Amino acid sequence: MGKRLGIALALLLMLTLPAAAEMAKGKVKEVDKAGQMIVLEDGTKLWVANNYLSELVVGDVVRVIYENRGDKKVVTEIDRRATFMDGTESTNFGTRGN
């Protein structure tokens, strides 16, 4: 009985642990709105929610936090960045004017 309880608690703990977040940074090479995916210049493929996709374009420099879910890297947070003439970067510089 005690052994079964221990195994059950161990399994429960494993299932409740959050997925480990990872970070990627780079320039957007491709935006696939139909597939809800972006590809960075280094070939990293990231799946992105529609609300992020509407503001991303090829050439944007981004820093993303993502989780591995199966064989996909799913973005949980994204910062678009602009590089100023002095080399410093801004973060989340908002939507583009049309």
PDB file of N, CA and C in Angstrom:
ATOM      1  N   MET A   1       0.824  -1.195   0.000  1.00  0.00           N
ATOM      2  CA  MET A   1       0.000   0.000   0.000  1.00  0.00           C
ATOM      3  C   MET A   1       0.861   1.249   0.000  1.00  0.00           C
ATOM      4  N   GLY A   2       1.884   1.268   0.858  1.00  0.00           N
ATOM      5  CA  GLY A   2       2.760   2.432   0.959  1.00  0.00           C
ATOM      6  C   GLY A   2       3.525   2.680  -0.331  1.00  0.00           C
ATOM      7  N   LYS A   3       3.944   1.599  -0.981  1.00  0.00           N
ATOM      8  CA  LYS A   3       4.689   1.729  -2.229  1.00  0.00           C
ATOM      9  C   LYS A   3       3.797   2.321  -3.324  1.00  0.00           C
ATOM     10  N   ARG A   4       2.552   1.862  -3.389  1.00  0.00           N
ATOM     11  CA  ARG A   4       1.612   2.386  -4.389  1.00  0.00           C
ATOM     12  C   ARG A   4       1.321   3.865  -4.155  1.00  0.00           C
ATOM     13  N   LEU A   5       1.169   4.233  -2.895  1.00  0.00           N
ATOM     14  CA  LEU A   5       0.914   5.632  -2.563  1.00  0.00           C
ATOM     15  C   LEU A   5       2.108   6.499  -2.982  1.00  0.00           C
ATOM     16  N   GLY A   6       3.307   6.011  -2.729  1.00  0.00           N
ATOM     17  CA  GLY A   6       4.521   6.738  -3.114  1.00  0.00           C
ATOM     18  C   GLY A   6       4.613   6.921  -4.618  1.00  0.00           C
ATOM     19  N   ILE A   7       4.309   5.890  -5.369  1.00  0.00           N
ATOM     20  CA  ILE A   7       4.331   5.974  -6.834  1.00  0.00           C
ATOM     21  C   ILE A   7       3.268   6.939  -7.325  1.00  0.00           C
ATOM     22  N   ALA A   8       2.085   6.865  -6.740  1.00  0.00           N
ATOM     23  CA  ALA A   8       0.997   7.770  -7.136  1.00  0.00           C
ATOM     24  C   ALA A   8       1.381   9.224  -6.872  1.00  0.00           C
ATOM     25  N   LEU A   9       1.987   9.504  -5.719  1.00  0.00           N
ATOM     26  CA  LEU A   9       2.413  10.871  -5.404  1.00  0.00           C
ATOM     27  C   LEU A   9       3.513  11.343  -6.354  1.00  0.00           C
ATOM     28  N   ALA A  10       4.428  10.468  -6.688  1.00  0.00           N
ATOM     29  CA  ALA A  10       5.498  10.825  -7.620  1.00  0.00           C
ATOM     30  C   ALA A  10       4.932  11.162  -8.997  1.00  0.00           C
ATOM     31  N   LEU A  11       3.985  10.375  -9.474  1.00  0.00           N
ATOM     32  CA  LEU A  11       3.355  10.649 -10.766  1.00  0.00           C
ATOM     33  C   LEU A  11       2.578  11.959 -10.742  1.00  0.00           C
ATOM     34  N   LEU A  12       1.869  12.204  -9.662  1.00  0.00           N
ATOM     35  CA  LEU A  12       1.118  13.446  -9.531  1.00  0.00           C
ATOM     36  C   LEU A  12       2.050  14.649  -9.554  1.00  0.00           C
ATOM     37  N   LEU A  13       3.166  14.565  -8.873  1.00  0.00           N
ATOM     38  CA  LEU A  13       4.140  15.650  -8.855  1.00  0.00           C
ATOM     39  C   LEU A  13       4.709  15.902 -10.244  1.00  0.00           C
ATOM     40  N   MET A  14       5.021  14.843 -10.972  1.00  0.00           N
ATOM     41  CA  MET A  14       5.570  15.002 -12.319  1.00  0.00           C
ATOM     42  C   MET A  14       4.562  15.672 -13.246  1.00  0.00           C
ATOM     43  N   LEU A  15       3.303  15.369 -13.115  1.00  0.00           N
ATOM     44  CA  LEU A  15       2.274  15.930 -13.989  1.00  0.00           C
ATOM     45  C   LEU A  15       1.974  17.383 -13.676  1.00  0.00           C
ATOM     46  N   THR A  16       2.256  17.831 -12.464  1.00  0.00           N
ATOM     47  CA  THR A  16       1.940  19.205 -12.091  1.00  0.00           C
ATOM     48  C   THR A  16       3.105  20.160 -12.285  1.00  0.00           C
ATOM     49  N   LEU A  17       4.280  19.647 -12.581  1.00  0.00           N
ATOM     50  CA  LEU A  17       5.425  20.533 -12.804  1.00  0.00           C
ATOM     51  C   LEU A  17       5.235  21.302 -14.102  1.00  0.00           C
ATOM     52  N   PRO A  18       5.490  22.606 -14.096  1.00  0.00           N
ATOM     53  CA  PRO A  18       5.349  23.378 -15.332  1.00  0.00           C
ATOM     54  C   PRO A  18       6.451  23.022 -16.323  1.00  0.00           C
ATOM     55  N   ALA A  19       6.149  23.243 -17.587  1.00  0.00           N
ATOM     56  CA  ALA A  19       7.151  22.991 -18.617  1.00  0.00           C
ATOM     57  C   ALA A  19       8.275  24.008 -18.472  1.00  0.00           C
ATOM     58  N   ALA A  20       9.482  23.594 -18.713  1.00  0.00           N
ATOM     59  CA  ALA A  20      10.618  24.497 -18.604  1.00  0.00           C
ATOM     60  C   ALA A  20      10.614  25.465 -19.783  1.00  0.00           C
ATOM     61  N   ALA A  21      10.673  26.742 -19.476  1.00  0.00           N
ATOM     62  CA  ALA A  21      10.681  27.762 -20.517  1.00  0.00           C
ATOM     63  C   ALA A  21      12.100  27.945 -21.043  1.00  0.00           C
ATOM     64  N   GLU A  22      12.189  28.219 -22.322  1.00  0.00           N
ATOM     65  CA  GLU A  22      13.473  28.482 -22.958  1.00  0.00           C
ATOM     66  C   GLU A  22      13.378  29.798 -23.708  1.00  0.00           C
ATOM     67  N   MET A  23      14.526  30.349 -24.115  1.00  0.00           N
ATOM     68  CA  MET A  23      14.543  31.628 -24.798  1.00  0.00           C
ATOM     69  C   MET A  23      15.264  31.508 -26.140  1.00  0.00           C
ATOM     70  N   ALA A  24      14.789  32.267 -27.106  1.00  0.00           N
ATOM     71  CA  ALA A  24      15.461  32.374 -28.398  1.00  0.00           C
ATOM     72  C   ALA A  24      15.437  33.841 -28.797  1.00  0.00           C
ATOM     73  N   LYS A  25      16.443  34.237 -29.563  1.00  0.00           N
ATOM     74  CA  LYS A  25      16.517  35.617 -30.027  1.00  0.00           C
ATOM     75  C   LYS A  25      17.045  35.597 -31.456  1.00  0.00           C
ATOM     76  N   GLY A  26      16.472  36.440 -32.290  1.00  0.00           N
ATOM     77  CA  GLY A  26      16.960  36.518 -33.659  1.00  0.00           C
ATOM     78  C   GLY A  26      16.067  37.356 -34.539  1.00  0.00           C
ATOM     79  N   LYS A  27      16.429  37.397 -35.807  1.00  0.00           N
ATOM     80  CA  LYS A  27      15.673  38.155 -36.801  1.00  0.00           C
ATOM     81  C   LYS A  27      14.677  37.234 -37.477  1.00  0.00           C
ATOM     82  N   VAL A  28      13.444  37.725 -37.662  1.00  0.00           N
ATOM     83  CA  VAL A  28      12.394  36.939 -38.298  1.00  0.00           C
ATOM     84  C   VAL A  28      12.694  36.815 -39.789  1.00  0.00           C
ATOM     85  N   LYS A  29      12.787  35.564 -40.245  1.00  0.00           N
ATOM     86  CA  LYS A  29      13.062  35.265 -41.648  1.00  0.00           C
ATOM     87  C   LYS A  29      11.773  35.006 -42.419  1.00  0.00           C
ATOM     88  N   GLU A  30      10.778  34.424 -41.729  1.00  0.00           N
ATOM     89  CA  GLU A  30       9.519  34.047 -42.387  1.00  0.00           C
ATOM     90  C   GLU A  30       8.368  34.157 -41.395  1.00  0.00           C
ATOM     91  N   VAL A  31       7.217  34.641 -41.868  1.00  0.00           N
ATOM     92  CA  VAL A  31       5.992  34.692 -41.069  1.00  0.00           C
ATOM     93  C   VAL A  31       4.930  33.897 -41.822  1.00  0.00           C
ATOM     94  N   ASP A  32       4.468  32.812 -41.218  1.00  0.00           N
ATOM     95  CA  ASP A  32       3.448  31.956 -41.813  1.00  0.00           C
ATOM     96  C   ASP A  32       2.166  32.110 -41.001  1.00  0.00           C
ATOM     97  N   LYS A  33       1.315  33.046 -41.418  1.00  0.00           N
ATOM     98  CA  LYS A  33       0.096  33.322 -40.653  1.00  0.00           C
ATOM     99  C   LYS A  33      -0.876  32.149 -40.698  1.00  0.00           C
ATOM    100  N   ALA A  34      -0.948  31.441 -41.805  1.00  0.00           N
ATOM    101  CA  ALA A  34      -1.858  30.290 -41.911  1.00  0.00           C
ATOM    102  C   ALA A  34      -1.426  29.180 -40.952  1.00  0.00           C
ATOM    103  N   GLY A  35      -0.134  28.951 -40.854  1.00  0.00           N
ATOM    104  CA  GLY A  35       0.388  27.911 -39.977  1.00  0.00           C
ATOM    105  C   GLY A  35       0.686  28.396 -38.571  1.00  0.00           C
ATOM    106  N   GLN A  36       0.439  29.688 -38.308  1.00  0.00           N
ATOM    107  CA  GLN A  36       0.701  30.314 -37.015  1.00  0.00           C
ATOM    108  C   GLN A  36       2.137  30.071 -36.556  1.00  0.00           C
ATOM    109  N   MET A  37       3.097  30.344 -37.452  1.00  0.00           N
ATOM    110  CA  MET A  37       4.479  30.032 -37.178  1.00  0.00           C
ATOM    111  C   MET A  37       5.385  31.140 -37.702  1.00  0.00           C
ATOM    112  N   ILE A  38       6.500  31.356 -36.998  1.00  0.00           N
ATOM    113  CA  ILE A  38       7.568  32.202 -37.525  1.00  0.00           C
ATOM    114  C   ILE A  38       8.833  31.368 -37.582  1.00  0.00           C
ATOM    115  N   VAL A  39       9.728  31.757 -38.479  1.00  0.00           N
ATOM    116  CA  VAL A  39      11.021  31.110 -38.592  1.00  0.00           C
ATOM    117  C   VAL A  39      12.073  32.194 -38.421  1.00  0.00           C
ATOM    118  N   LEU A  40      13.037  31.951 -37.529  1.00  0.00           N
ATOM    119  CA  LEU A  40      14.130  32.896 -37.339  1.00  0.00           C
ATOM    120  C   LEU A  40      15.231  32.609 -38.348  1.00  0.00           C
ATOM    121  N   GLU A  41      16.164  33.549 -38.511  1.00  0.00           N
ATOM    122  CA  GLU A  41      17.241  33.376 -39.488  1.00  0.00           C
ATOM    123  C   GLU A  41      18.081  32.135 -39.234  1.00  0.00           C
ATOM    124  N   ASP A  42      18.170  31.688 -37.968  1.00  0.00           N
ATOM    125  CA  ASP A  42      18.962  30.495 -37.671  1.00  0.00           C
ATOM    126  C   ASP A  42      18.197  29.198 -37.925  1.00  0.00           C
ATOM    127  N   GLY A  43      16.945  29.320 -38.428  1.00  0.00           N
ATOM    128  CA  GLY A  43      16.138  28.146 -38.751  1.00  0.00           C
ATOM    129  C   GLY A  43      15.192  27.706 -37.650  1.00  0.00           C
ATOM    130  N   THR A  44      15.237  28.372 -36.495  1.00  0.00           N
ATOM    131  CA  THR A  44      14.337  28.015 -35.393  1.00  0.00           C
ATOM    132  C   THR A  44      12.896  28.285 -35.786  1.00  0.00           C
ATOM    133  N   LYS A  45      12.048  27.262 -35.661  1.00  0.00           N
ATOM    134  CA  LYS A  45      10.615  27.394 -35.966  1.00  0.00           C
ATOM    135  C   LYS A  45       9.866  27.535 -34.650  1.00  0.00           C
ATOM    136  N   LEU A  46       9.018  28.570 -34.576  1.00  0.00           N
ATOM    137  CA  LEU A  46       8.271  28.863 -33.363  1.00  0.00           C
ATOM    138  C   LEU A  46       6.800  29.034 -33.695  1.00  0.00           C
ATOM    139  N   TRP A  47       5.928  28.374 -32.931  1.00  0.00           N
ATOM    140  CA  TRP A  47       4.490  28.514 -33.130  1.00  0.00           C
ATOM    141  C   TRP A  47       3.992  29.655 -32.258  1.00  0.00           C
ATOM    142  N   VAL A  48       3.215  30.556 -32.875  1.00  0.00           N
ATOM    143  CA  VAL A  48       2.849  31.820 -32.254  1.00  0.00           C
ATOM    144  C   VAL A  48       1.336  32.014 -32.322  1.00  0.00           C
ATOM    145  N   ALA A  49       0.751  32.598 -31.268  1.00  0.00           N
ATOM    146  CA  ALA A  49      -0.679  32.909 -31.254  1.00  0.00           C
ATOM    147  C   ALA A  49      -0.977  34.027 -32.252  1.00  0.00           C
ATOM    148  N   ASN A  50      -2.201  34.033 -32.777  1.00  0.00           N
ATOM    149  CA  ASN A  50      -2.602  35.026 -33.777  1.00  0.00           C
ATOM    150  C   ASN A  50      -2.398  36.464 -33.331  1.00  0.00           C
ATOM    151  N   ASN A  51      -2.635  36.762 -32.040  1.00  0.00           N
ATOM    152  CA  ASN A  51      -2.497  38.138 -31.593  1.00  0.00           C
ATOM    153  C   ASN A  51      -1.065  38.644 -31.736  1.00  0.00           C
ATOM    154  N   TYR A  52      -0.069  37.767 -31.683  1.00  0.00           N
ATOM    155  CA  TYR A  52       1.313  38.168 -31.925  1.00  0.00           C
ATOM    156  C   TYR A  52       1.603  38.269 -33.422  1.00  0.00           C
ATOM    157  N   LEU A  53       1.064  37.344 -34.198  1.00  0.00           N
ATOM    158  CA  LEU A  53       1.361  37.283 -35.633  1.00  0.00           C
ATOM    159  C   LEU A  53       0.932  38.540 -36.375  1.00  0.00           C
ATOM    160  N   SER A  54      -0.128  39.180 -35.932  1.00  0.00           N
ATOM    161  CA  SER A  54      -0.630  40.351 -36.648  1.00  0.00           C
ATOM    162  C   SER A  54       0.364  41.500 -36.639  1.00  0.00           C
ATOM    163  N   GLU A  55       1.312  41.496 -35.716  1.00  0.00           N
ATOM    164  CA  GLU A  55       2.262  42.602 -35.605  1.00  0.00           C
ATOM    165  C   GLU A  55       3.658  42.249 -36.088  1.00  0.00           C
ATOM    166  N   LEU A  56       3.933  41.004 -36.396  1.00  0.00           N
ATOM    167  CA  LEU A  56       5.280  40.604 -36.801  1.00  0.00           C
ATOM    168  C   LEU A  56       5.436  40.640 -38.313  1.00  0.00           C
ATOM    169  N   VAL A  57       6.593  41.108 -38.751  1.00  0.00           N
ATOM    170  CA  VAL A  57       6.929  41.099 -40.172  1.00  0.00           C
ATOM    171  C   VAL A  57       8.356  40.595 -40.338  1.00  0.00           C
ATOM    172  N   VAL A  58       8.663  40.145 -41.538  1.00  0.00           N
ATOM    173  CA  VAL A  58      10.018  39.696 -41.852  1.00  0.00           C
ATOM    174  C   VAL A  58      10.977  40.852 -41.573  1.00  0.00           C
ATOM    175  N   GLY A  59      12.066  40.531 -40.895  1.00  0.00           N
ATOM    176  CA  GLY A  59      13.068  41.536 -40.560  1.00  0.00           C
ATOM    177  C   GLY A  59      13.003  42.013 -39.126  1.00  0.00           C
ATOM    178  N   ASP A  60      11.880  41.778 -38.440  1.00  0.00           N
ATOM    179  CA  ASP A  60      11.792  42.147 -37.028  1.00  0.00           C
ATOM    180  C   ASP A  60      12.823  41.360 -36.227  1.00  0.00           C
ATOM    181  N   VAL A  61      13.427  42.005 -35.257  1.00  0.00           N
ATOM    182  CA  VAL A  61      14.301  41.323 -34.311  1.00  0.00           C
ATOM    183  C   VAL A  61      13.448  41.037 -33.082  1.00  0.00           C
ATOM    184  N   VAL A  62      13.452  39.787 -32.641  1.00  0.00           N
ATOM    185  CA  VAL A  62      12.596  39.383 -31.536  1.00  0.00           C
ATOM    186  C   VAL A  62      13.381  38.608 -30.484  1.00  0.00           C
ATOM    187  N   ARG A  63      12.863  38.663 -29.270  1.00  0.00           N
ATOM    188  CA  ARG A  63      13.311  37.790 -28.185  1.00  0.00           C
ATOM    189  C   ARG A  63      12.059  37.076 -27.727  1.00  0.00           C
ATOM    190  N   VAL A  64      12.073  35.750 -27.729  1.00  0.00           N
ATOM    191  CA  VAL A  64      10.885  34.987 -27.381  1.00  0.00           C
ATOM    192  C   VAL A  64      11.176  34.029 -26.229  1.00  0.00           C
ATOM    193  N   ILE A  65      10.165  33.823 -25.427  1.00  0.00           N
ATOM    194  CA  ILE A  65      10.172  32.779 -24.410  1.00  0.00           C
ATOM    195  C   ILE A  65       9.197  31.717 -24.924  1.00  0.00           C
ATOM    196  N   TYR A  66       9.635  30.466 -24.926  1.00  0.00           N
ATOM    197  CA  TYR A  66       8.778  29.404 -25.461  1.00  0.00           C
ATOM    198  C   TYR A  66       8.868  28.160 -24.595  1.00  0.00           C
ATOM    199  N   GLU A  67       7.877  27.300 -24.780  1.00  0.00           N
ATOM    200  CA  GLU A  67       7.848  25.994 -24.130  1.00  0.00           C
ATOM    201  C   GLU A  67       7.840  24.918 -25.195  1.00  0.00           C
ATOM    202  N   ASN A  68       8.535  23.840 -24.946  1.00  0.00           N
ATOM    203  CA  ASN A  68       8.477  22.677 -25.835  1.00  0.00           C
ATOM    204  C   ASN A  68       7.225  21.889 -25.503  1.00  0.00           C
ATOM    205  N   ARG A  69       6.338  21.773 -26.488  1.00  0.00           N
ATOM    206  CA  ARG A  69       5.106  20.991 -26.336  1.00  0.00           C
ATOM    207  C   ARG A  69       5.093  19.963 -27.453  1.00  0.00           C
ATOM    208  N   GLY A  70       5.481  18.765 -27.088  1.00  0.00           N
ATOM    209  CA  GLY A  70       5.641  17.732 -28.109  1.00  0.00           C
ATOM    210  C   GLY A  70       6.822  18.105 -28.984  1.00  0.00           C
ATOM    211  N   ASP A  71       6.605  18.169 -30.293  1.00  0.00           N
ATOM    212  CA  ASP A  71       7.687  18.524 -31.211  1.00  0.00           C
ATOM    213  C   ASP A  71       7.645  19.998 -31.622  1.00  0.00           C
ATOM    214  N   LYS A  72       6.828  20.816 -30.931  1.00  0.00           N
ATOM    215  CA  LYS A  72       6.690  22.228 -31.279  1.00  0.00           C
ATOM    216  C   LYS A  72       7.257  23.122 -30.181  1.00  0.00           C
ATOM    217  N   LYS A  73       7.816  24.249 -30.607  1.00  0.00           N
ATOM    218  CA  LYS A  73       8.254  25.296 -29.688  1.00  0.00           C
ATOM    219  C   LYS A  73       7.154  26.356 -29.707  1.00  0.00           C
ATOM    220  N   VAL A  74       6.376  26.422 -28.626  1.00  0.00           N
ATOM    221  CA  VAL A  74       5.215  27.296 -28.562  1.00  0.00           C
ATOM    222  C   VAL A  74       5.568  28.547 -27.769  1.00  0.00           C
ATOM    223  N   VAL A  75       5.431  29.699 -28.406  1.00  0.00           N
ATOM    224  CA  VAL A  75       5.795  30.977 -27.799  1.00  0.00           C
ATOM    225  C   VAL A  75       4.797  31.341 -26.708  1.00  0.00           C
ATOM    226  N   THR A  76       5.324  31.708 -25.543  1.00  0.00           N
ATOM    227  CA  THR A  76       4.485  32.182 -24.449  1.00  0.00           C
ATOM    228  C   THR A  76       4.653  33.681 -24.227  1.00  0.00           C
ATOM    229  N   GLU A  77       5.754  34.235 -24.705  1.00  0.00           N
ATOM    230  CA  GLU A  77       6.022  35.666 -24.552  1.00  0.00           C
ATOM    231  C   GLU A  77       6.934  36.106 -25.695  1.00  0.00           C
ATOM    232  N   ILE A  78       6.694  37.305 -26.210  1.00  0.00           N
ATOM    233  CA  ILE A  78       7.526  37.788 -27.309  1.00  0.00           C
ATOM    234  C   ILE A  78       7.780  39.283 -27.153  1.00  0.00           C
ATOM    235  N   ASP A  79       9.015  39.695 -27.399  1.00  0.00           N
ATOM    236  CA  ASP A  79       9.399  41.108 -27.419  1.00  0.00           C
ATOM    237  C   ASP A  79       9.960  41.415 -28.792  1.00  0.00           C
ATOM    238  N   ARG A  80       9.354  42.392 -29.456  1.00  0.00           N
ATOM    239  CA  ARG A  80       9.960  42.888 -30.695  1.00  0.00           C
ATOM    240  C   ARG A  80      10.968  43.942 -30.274  1.00  0.00           C
ATOM    241  N   ARG A  81      12.079  44.023 -30.984  1.00  0.00           N
ATOM    242  CA  ARG A  81      13.145  44.940 -30.590  1.00  0.00           C
ATOM    243  C   ARG A  81      13.565  45.805 -31.766  1.00  0.00           C
ATOM    244  N   ALA A  82      13.904  47.033 -31.451  1.00  0.00           N
ATOM    245  CA  ALA A  82      14.468  47.945 -32.441  1.00  0.00           C
ATOM    246  C   ALA A  82      15.885  48.281 -31.993  1.00  0.00           C
ATOM    247  N   THR A  83      16.811  48.350 -32.930  1.00  0.00           N
ATOM    248  CA  THR A  83      18.183  48.713 -32.608  1.00  0.00           C
ATOM    249  C   THR A  83      18.408  50.160 -32.994  1.00  0.00           C
ATOM    250  N   PHE A  84      18.846  50.957 -32.031  1.00  0.00           N
ATOM    251  CA  PHE A  84      19.112  52.365 -32.273  1.00  0.00           C
ATOM    252  C   PHE A  84      20.508  52.553 -32.858  1.00  0.00           C
ATOM    253  N   MET A  85      20.811  53.750 -33.308  1.00  0.00           N
ATOM    254  CA  MET A  85      22.097  54.034 -33.944  1.00  0.00           C
ATOM    255  C   MET A  85      23.273  53.769 -33.009  1.00  0.00           C
ATOM    256  N   ASP A  86      23.069  53.910 -31.698  1.00  0.00           N
ATOM    257  CA  ASP A  86      24.167  53.672 -30.752  1.00  0.00           C
ATOM    258  C   ASP A  86      24.308  52.195 -30.380  1.00  0.00           C
ATOM    259  N   GLY A  87      23.479  51.317 -30.981  1.00  0.00           N
ATOM    260  CA  GLY A  87      23.578  49.884 -30.747  1.00  0.00           C
ATOM    261  C   GLY A  87      22.688  49.356 -29.636  1.00  0.00           C
ATOM    262  N   THR A  88      22.041  50.240 -28.878  1.00  0.00           N
ATOM    263  CA  THR A  88      21.135  49.777 -27.829  1.00  0.00           C
ATOM    264  C   THR A  88      19.823  49.316 -28.456  1.00  0.00           C
ATOM    265  N   GLU A  89      19.099  48.482 -27.715  1.00  0.00           N
ATOM    266  CA  GLU A  89      17.832  47.943 -28.224  1.00  0.00           C
ATOM    267  C   GLU A  89      16.679  48.419 -27.384  1.00  0.00           C
ATOM    268  N   SER A  90      15.559  48.653 -28.043  1.00  0.00           N
ATOM    269  CA  SER A  90      14.313  48.906 -27.330  1.00  0.00           C
ATOM    270  C   SER A  90      13.563  47.583 -27.230  1.00  0.00           C
ATOM    271  N   THR A  91      12.517  47.559 -26.417  1.00  0.00           N
ATOM    272  CA  THR A  91      11.676  46.369 -26.348  1.00  0.00           C
ATOM    273  C   THR A  91      10.228  46.760 -26.516  1.00  0.00           C
ATOM    274  N   ASN A  92       9.455  45.859 -27.131  1.00  0.00           N
ATOM    275  CA  ASN A  92       8.025  46.058 -27.311  1.00  0.00           C
ATOM    276  C   ASN A  92       7.684  47.454 -27.809  1.00  0.00           C
ATOM    277  N   PHE A  93       8.182  47.779 -28.989  1.00  0.00           N
ATOM    278  CA  PHE A  93       7.976  49.140 -29.489  1.00  0.00           C
ATOM    279  C   PHE A  93       6.618  49.371 -30.108  1.00  0.00           C
ATOM    280  N   GLY A  94       5.672  48.519 -29.819  1.00  0.00           N
ATOM    281  CA  GLY A  94       4.285  48.768 -30.177  1.00  0.00           C
ATOM    282  C   GLY A  94       3.944  48.435 -31.620  1.00  0.00           C
ATOM    283  N   THR A  95       2.717  48.787 -31.984  1.00  0.00           N
ATOM    284  CA  THR A  95       2.229  48.460 -33.323  1.00  0.00           C
ATOM    285  C   THR A  95       2.760  49.448 -34.339  1.00  0.00           C
ATOM    286  N   ARG A  96       2.818  49.007 -35.555  1.00  0.00           N
ATOM    287  CA  ARG A  96       3.252  49.872 -36.649  1.00  0.00           C
ATOM    288  C   ARG A  96       2.076  50.682 -37.148  1.00  0.00           C
ATOM    289  N   GLY A  97       2.353  51.884 -37.555  1.00  0.00           N
ATOM    290  CA  GLY A  97       1.317  52.678 -38.227  1.00  0.00           C
ATOM    291  C   GLY A  97       1.176  52.205 -39.654  1.00  0.00           C
ATOM    292  N   ASN A  98      -0.025  52.244 -40.193  1.00  0.00           N
ATOM    293  CA  ASN A  98      -0.231  51.778 -41.573  1.00  0.00           C
ATOM    294  C   ASN A  98      -0.151  52.918 -42.540  1.00  0.00           C
TER     295      ASN A  98
END
